[in-house]
Amino acid sequence: MSDFAEPKTEILAETRNYLVWQAEEPDGEITYHLELGALTVHFFAEEWKEFQELMRALQQ
C-alpha cells in the first residue's frame, strides 16, 4: 500500500481547446493548472490570483 495520497481535482472551466482545473494537494495547498493545447501552466494560489488580475486588466 502506498503512502502517497492523490490530490483532489476539480475542473473550473473548459472549452473545446482549453481547460482550467485545480488540485487540492495532500498537504492542503491548492494549485491551479491552465491547459492550452500541448502546454500546461501550473500556478500556486498567489500566482493564480495575480494571473487572474492580469487577465481582468486585458478586458478593460
PDB file of N, CA and C in Angstrom:
ATOM      1  N   MET A   1       0.835  -1.174   0.000  1.00  0.00           N
ATOM      2  CA  MET A   1       0.000   0.000   0.000  1.00  0.00           C
ATOM      3  C   MET A   1       0.887   1.246   0.000  1.00  0.00           C
ATOM      4  N   SER A   2       0.542   2.228  -0.783  1.00  0.00           N
ATOM      5  CA  SER A   2       1.347   3.437  -0.928  1.00  0.00           C
ATOM      6  C   SER A   2       0.918   4.493   0.084  1.00  0.00           C
ATOM      7  N   ASP A   3       1.891   5.259   0.581  1.00  0.00           N
ATOM      8  CA  ASP A   3       1.604   6.373   1.481  1.00  0.00           C
ATOM      9  C   ASP A   3       1.302   7.649   0.708  1.00  0.00           C
ATOM     10  N   PHE A   4       1.366   7.594  -0.628  1.00  0.00           N
ATOM     11  CA  PHE A   4       1.155   8.764  -1.471  1.00  0.00           C
ATOM     12  C   PHE A   4      -0.342   8.969  -1.696  1.00  0.00           C
ATOM     13  N   ALA A   5      -0.869  10.108  -1.244  1.00  0.00           N
ATOM     14  CA  ALA A   5      -2.279  10.433  -1.437  1.00  0.00           C
ATOM     15  C   ALA A   5      -2.443  11.230  -2.721  1.00  0.00           C
ATOM     16  N   GLU A   6      -3.416  10.871  -3.510  1.00  0.00           N
ATOM     17  CA  GLU A   6      -3.710  11.593  -4.746  1.00  0.00           C
ATOM     18  C   GLU A   6      -4.392  12.917  -4.414  1.00  0.00           C
ATOM     19  N   PRO A   7      -4.081  13.986  -5.148  1.00  0.00           N
ATOM     20  CA  PRO A   7      -4.773  15.262  -4.917  1.00  0.00           C
ATOM     21  C   PRO A   7      -6.229  15.175  -5.365  1.00  0.00           C
ATOM     22  N   LYS A   8      -7.069  15.958  -4.720  1.00  0.00           N
ATOM     23  CA  LYS A   8      -8.467  16.085  -5.139  1.00  0.00           C
ATOM     24  C   LYS A   8      -8.506  17.136  -6.243  1.00  0.00           C
ATOM     25  N   THR A   9      -9.089  16.806  -7.383  1.00  0.00           N
ATOM     26  CA  THR A   9      -9.100  17.742  -8.509  1.00  0.00           C
ATOM     27  C   THR A   9     -10.519  18.168  -8.849  1.00  0.00           C
ATOM     28  N   GLU A  10     -10.617  19.363  -9.433  1.00  0.00           N
ATOM     29  CA  GLU A  10     -11.908  19.899  -9.872  1.00  0.00           C
ATOM     30  C   GLU A  10     -11.691  20.746 -11.110  1.00  0.00           C
ATOM     31  N   ILE A  11     -12.479  20.515 -12.150  1.00  0.00           N
ATOM     32  CA  ILE A  11     -12.435  21.336 -13.359  1.00  0.00           C
ATOM     33  C   ILE A  11     -13.178  22.631 -13.073  1.00  0.00           C
ATOM     34  N   LEU A  12     -12.526  23.763 -13.314  1.00  0.00           N
ATOM     35  CA  LEU A  12     -13.115  25.073 -13.072  1.00  0.00           C
ATOM     36  C   LEU A  12     -13.748  25.671 -14.319  1.00  0.00           C
ATOM     37  N   ALA A  13     -13.147  25.418 -15.476  1.00  0.00           N
ATOM     38  CA  ALA A  13     -13.670  25.939 -16.745  1.00  0.00           C
ATOM     39  C   ALA A  13     -13.080  25.105 -17.874  1.00  0.00           C
ATOM     40  N   GLU A  14     -13.871  24.975 -18.942  1.00  0.00           N
ATOM     41  CA  GLU A  14     -13.423  24.142 -20.062  1.00  0.00           C
ATOM     42  C   GLU A  14     -14.076  24.620 -21.347  1.00  0.00           C
ATOM     43  N   THR A  15     -13.265  24.700 -22.385  1.00  0.00           N
ATOM     44  CA  THR A  15     -13.773  24.937 -23.731  1.00  0.00           C
ATOM     45  C   THR A  15     -13.305  23.770 -24.590  1.00  0.00           C
ATOM     46  N   ARG A  16     -13.549  23.854 -25.866  1.00  0.00           N
ATOM     47  CA  ARG A  16     -13.126  22.777 -26.760  1.00  0.00           C
ATOM     48  C   ARG A  16     -11.615  22.573 -26.750  1.00  0.00           C
ATOM     49  N   ASN A  17     -10.862  23.660 -26.596  1.00  0.00           N
ATOM     50  CA  ASN A  17      -9.404  23.587 -26.688  1.00  0.00           C
ATOM     51  C   ASN A  17      -8.653  23.866 -25.391  1.00  0.00           C
ATOM     52  N   TYR A  18      -9.322  24.407 -24.393  1.00  0.00           N
ATOM     53  CA  TYR A  18      -8.631  24.842 -23.180  1.00  0.00           C
ATOM     54  C   TYR A  18      -9.309  24.292 -21.934  1.00  0.00           C
ATOM     55  N   LEU A  19      -8.520  24.204 -20.861  1.00  0.00           N
ATOM     56  CA  LEU A  19      -9.033  23.650 -19.618  1.00  0.00           C
ATOM     57  C   LEU A  19      -8.331  24.313 -18.443  1.00  0.00           C
ATOM     58  N   VAL A  20      -9.100  24.645 -17.402  1.00  0.00           N
ATOM     59  CA  VAL A  20      -8.549  25.146 -16.144  1.00  0.00           C
ATOM     60  C   VAL A  20      -9.067  24.232 -15.045  1.00  0.00           C
ATOM     61  N   TRP A  21      -8.135  23.728 -14.244  1.00  0.00           N
ATOM     62  CA  TRP A  21      -8.530  22.864 -13.139  1.00  0.00           C
ATOM     63  C   TRP A  21      -7.692  23.167 -11.921  1.00  0.00           C
ATOM     64  N   GLN A  22      -8.214  22.772 -10.770  1.00  0.00           N
ATOM     65  CA  GLN A  22      -7.473  22.982  -9.532  1.00  0.00           C
ATOM     66  C   GLN A  22      -7.269  21.643  -8.845  1.00  0.00           C
ATOM     67  N   ALA A  23      -6.231  21.595  -8.039  1.00  0.00           N
ATOM     68  CA  ALA A  23      -5.932  20.389  -7.271  1.00  0.00           C
ATOM     69  C   ALA A  23      -5.697  20.783  -5.824  1.00  0.00           C
ATOM     70  N   GLU A  24      -6.337  20.048  -4.928  1.00  0.00           N
ATOM     71  CA  GLU A  24      -6.042  20.211  -3.509  1.00  0.00           C
ATOM     72  C   GLU A  24      -5.037  19.140  -3.155  1.00  0.00           C
ATOM     73  N   GLU A  25      -3.827  19.580  -2.890  1.00  0.00           N
ATOM     74  CA  GLU A  25      -2.740  18.658  -2.600  1.00  0.00           C
ATOM     75  C   GLU A  25      -2.940  18.027  -1.221  1.00  0.00           C
ATOM     76  N   PRO A  26      -2.330  16.878  -0.969  1.00  0.00           N
ATOM     77  CA  PRO A  26      -2.485  16.214   0.336  1.00  0.00           C
ATOM     78  C   PRO A  26      -2.097  17.091   1.526  1.00  0.00           C
ATOM     79  N   ASP A  27      -1.200  18.066   1.304  1.00  0.00           N
ATOM     80  CA  ASP A  27      -0.804  18.959   2.401  1.00  0.00           C
ATOM     81  C   ASP A  27      -1.756  20.139   2.565  1.00  0.00           C
ATOM     82  N   GLY A  28      -2.846  20.176   1.773  1.00  0.00           N
ATOM     83  CA  GLY A  28      -3.849  21.230   1.863  1.00  0.00           C
ATOM     84  C   GLY A  28      -3.631  22.394   0.926  1.00  0.00           C
ATOM     85  N   GLU A  29      -2.485  22.456   0.258  1.00  0.00           N
ATOM     86  CA  GLU A  29      -2.219  23.549  -0.684  1.00  0.00           C
ATOM     87  C   GLU A  29      -3.058  23.369  -1.947  1.00  0.00           C
ATOM     88  N   ILE A  30      -3.581  24.477  -2.461  1.00  0.00           N
ATOM     89  CA  ILE A  30      -4.351  24.465  -3.701  1.00  0.00           C
ATOM     90  C   ILE A  30      -3.442  24.918  -4.831  1.00  0.00           C
ATOM     91  N   THR A  31      -3.408  24.159  -5.915  1.00  0.00           N
ATOM     92  CA  THR A  31      -2.678  24.556  -7.118  1.00  0.00           C
ATOM     93  C   THR A  31      -3.656  24.649  -8.267  1.00  0.00           C
ATOM     94  N   TYR A  32      -3.326  25.490  -9.244  1.00  0.00           N
ATOM     95  CA  TYR A  32      -4.184  25.721 -10.403  1.00  0.00           C
ATOM     96  C   TYR A  32      -3.408  25.361 -11.655  1.00  0.00           C
ATOM     97  N   HIS A  33      -4.116  24.844 -12.648  1.00  0.00           N
ATOM     98  CA  HIS A  33      -3.486  24.327 -13.860  1.00  0.00           C
ATOM     99  C   HIS A  33      -4.272  24.825 -15.064  1.00  0.00           C
ATOM    100  N   LEU A  34      -3.564  25.457 -15.980  1.00  0.00           N
ATOM    101  CA  LEU A  34      -4.139  26.027 -17.191  1.00  0.00           C
ATOM    102  C   LEU A  34      -3.592  25.233 -18.362  1.00  0.00           C
ATOM    103  N   GLU A  35      -4.449  24.469 -19.021  1.00  0.00           N
ATOM    104  CA  GLU A  35      -4.031  23.653 -20.161  1.00  0.00           C
ATOM    105  C   GLU A  35      -4.417  24.368 -21.449  1.00  0.00           C
ATOM    106  N   LEU A  36      -3.398  24.681 -22.245  1.00  0.00           N
ATOM    107  CA  LEU A  36      -3.569  25.382 -23.520  1.00  0.00           C
ATOM    108  C   LEU A  36      -3.012  24.484 -24.618  1.00  0.00           C
ATOM    109  N   GLY A  37      -3.817  23.575 -25.092  1.00  0.00           N
ATOM    110  CA  GLY A  37      -3.331  22.616 -26.078  1.00  0.00           C
ATOM    111  C   GLY A  37      -2.271  21.736 -25.444  1.00  0.00           C
ATOM    112  N   ALA A  38      -1.077  21.717 -26.032  1.00  0.00           N
ATOM    113  CA  ALA A  38       0.008  20.868 -25.540  1.00  0.00           C
ATOM    114  C   ALA A  38       0.768  21.509 -24.377  1.00  0.00           C
ATOM    115  N   LEU A  39       0.434  22.744 -24.014  1.00  0.00           N
ATOM    116  CA  LEU A  39       1.127  23.471 -22.958  1.00  0.00           C
ATOM    117  C   LEU A  39       0.267  23.495 -21.697  1.00  0.00           C
ATOM    118  N   THR A  40       0.851  23.154 -20.554  1.00  0.00           N
ATOM    119  CA  THR A  40       0.173  23.282 -19.265  1.00  0.00           C
ATOM    120  C   THR A  40       0.995  24.203 -18.388  1.00  0.00           C
ATOM    121  N   VAL A  41       0.325  25.211 -17.810  1.00  0.00           N
ATOM    122  CA  VAL A  41       0.962  26.156 -16.901  1.00  0.00           C
ATOM    123  C   VAL A  41       0.426  25.870 -15.500  1.00  0.00           C
ATOM    124  N   HIS A  42       1.334  25.733 -14.539  1.00  0.00           N
ATOM    125  CA  HIS A  42       0.974  25.417 -13.170  1.00  0.00           C
ATOM    126  C   HIS A  42       1.162  26.654 -12.297  1.00  0.00           C
ATOM    127  N   PHE A  43       0.194  26.925 -11.423  1.00  0.00           N
ATOM    128  CA  PHE A  43       0.236  28.096 -10.555  1.00  0.00           C
ATOM    129  C   PHE A  43       0.007  27.690  -9.103  1.00  0.00           C
ATOM    130  N   PHE A  44       0.745  28.313  -8.184  1.00  0.00           N
ATOM    131  CA  PHE A  44       0.369  28.269  -6.784  1.00  0.00           C
ATOM    132  C   PHE A  44      -0.730  29.309  -6.585  1.00  0.00           C
ATOM    133  N   ALA A  45      -1.433  29.279  -5.466  1.00  0.00           N
ATOM    134  CA  ALA A  45      -2.598  30.146  -5.238  1.00  0.00           C
ATOM    135  C   ALA A  45      -2.272  31.624  -5.436  1.00  0.00           C
ATOM    136  N   GLU A  46      -1.140  32.094  -4.918  1.00  0.00           N
ATOM    137  CA  GLU A  46      -0.788  33.515  -5.044  1.00  0.00           C
ATOM    138  C   GLU A  46      -0.546  33.888  -6.508  1.00  0.00           C
ATOM    139  N   GLU A  47       0.102  32.988  -7.234  1.00  0.00           N
ATOM    140  CA  GLU A  47       0.372  33.232  -8.654  1.00  0.00           C
ATOM    141  C   GLU A  47      -0.926  33.234  -9.451  1.00  0.00           C
ATOM    142  N   TRP A  48      -1.852  32.351  -9.099  1.00  0.00           N
ATOM    143  CA  TRP A  48      -3.136  32.260  -9.795  1.00  0.00           C
ATOM    144  C   TRP A  48      -3.920  33.553  -9.626  1.00  0.00           C
ATOM    145  N   LYS A  49      -3.922  34.089  -8.410  1.00  0.00           N
ATOM    146  CA  LYS A  49      -4.626  35.339  -8.151  1.00  0.00           C
ATOM    147  C   LYS A  49      -4.037  36.467  -9.006  1.00  0.00           C
ATOM    148  N   GLU A  50      -2.719  36.541  -9.080  1.00  0.00           N
ATOM    149  CA  GLU A  50      -2.078  37.572  -9.892  1.00  0.00           C
ATOM    150  C   GLU A  50      -2.385  37.376 -11.378  1.00  0.00           C
ATOM    151  N   PHE A  51      -2.405  36.133 -11.846  1.00  0.00           N
ATOM    152  CA  PHE A  51      -2.736  35.846 -13.240  1.00  0.00           C
ATOM    153  C   PHE A  51      -4.169  36.279 -13.555  1.00  0.00           C
ATOM    154  N   GLN A  52      -5.092  36.023 -12.630  1.00  0.00           N
ATOM    155  CA  GLN A  52      -6.478  36.455 -12.839  1.00  0.00           C
ATOM    156  C   GLN A  52      -6.558  37.982 -12.931  1.00  0.00           C
ATOM    157  N   GLU A  53      -5.806  38.685 -12.094  1.00  0.00           N
ATOM    158  CA  GLU A  53      -5.775  40.153 -12.169  1.00  0.00           C
ATOM    159  C   GLU A  53      -5.248  40.611 -13.526  1.00  0.00           C
ATOM    160  N   LEU A  54      -4.241  39.941 -14.032  1.00  0.00           N
ATOM    161  CA  LEU A  54      -3.684  40.259 -15.341  1.00  0.00           C
ATOM    162  C   LEU A  54      -4.730  40.074 -16.439  1.00  0.00           C
ATOM    163  N   MET A  55      -5.475  38.982 -16.387  1.00  0.00           N
ATOM    164  CA  MET A  55      -6.496  38.719 -17.400  1.00  0.00           C
ATOM    165  C   MET A  55      -7.630  39.732 -17.316  1.00  0.00           C
ATOM    166  N   ARG A  56      -8.005  40.139 -16.104  1.00  0.00           N
ATOM    167  CA  ARG A  56      -9.042  41.157 -15.956  1.00  0.00           C
ATOM    168  C   ARG A  56      -8.575  42.489 -16.550  1.00  0.00           C
ATOM    169  N   ALA A  57      -7.298  42.814 -16.398  1.00  0.00           N
ATOM    170  CA  ALA A  57      -6.747  44.054 -16.947  1.00  0.00           C
ATOM    171  C   ALA A  57      -6.835  44.070 -18.468  1.00  0.00           C
ATOM    172  N   LEU A  58      -6.754  42.914 -19.099  1.00  0.00           N
ATOM    173  CA  LEU A  58      -6.883  42.840 -20.552  1.00  0.00           C
ATOM    174  C   LEU A  58      -8.289  43.200 -21.020  1.00  0.00           C
ATOM    175  N   GLN A  59      -9.275  42.959 -20.188  1.00  0.00           N
ATOM    176  CA  GLN A  59     -10.678  43.189 -20.563  1.00  0.00           C
ATOM    177  C   GLN A  59     -11.078  44.655 -20.437  1.00  0.00           C
ATOM    178  N   GLN A  60     -10.243  45.468 -19.818  1.00  0.00           N
ATOM    179  CA  GLN A  60     -10.608  46.886 -19.602  1.00  0.00           C
ATOM    180  C   GLN A  60     -10.232  47.734 -20.778  1.00  0.00           C
TER     181      GLN A  60
END
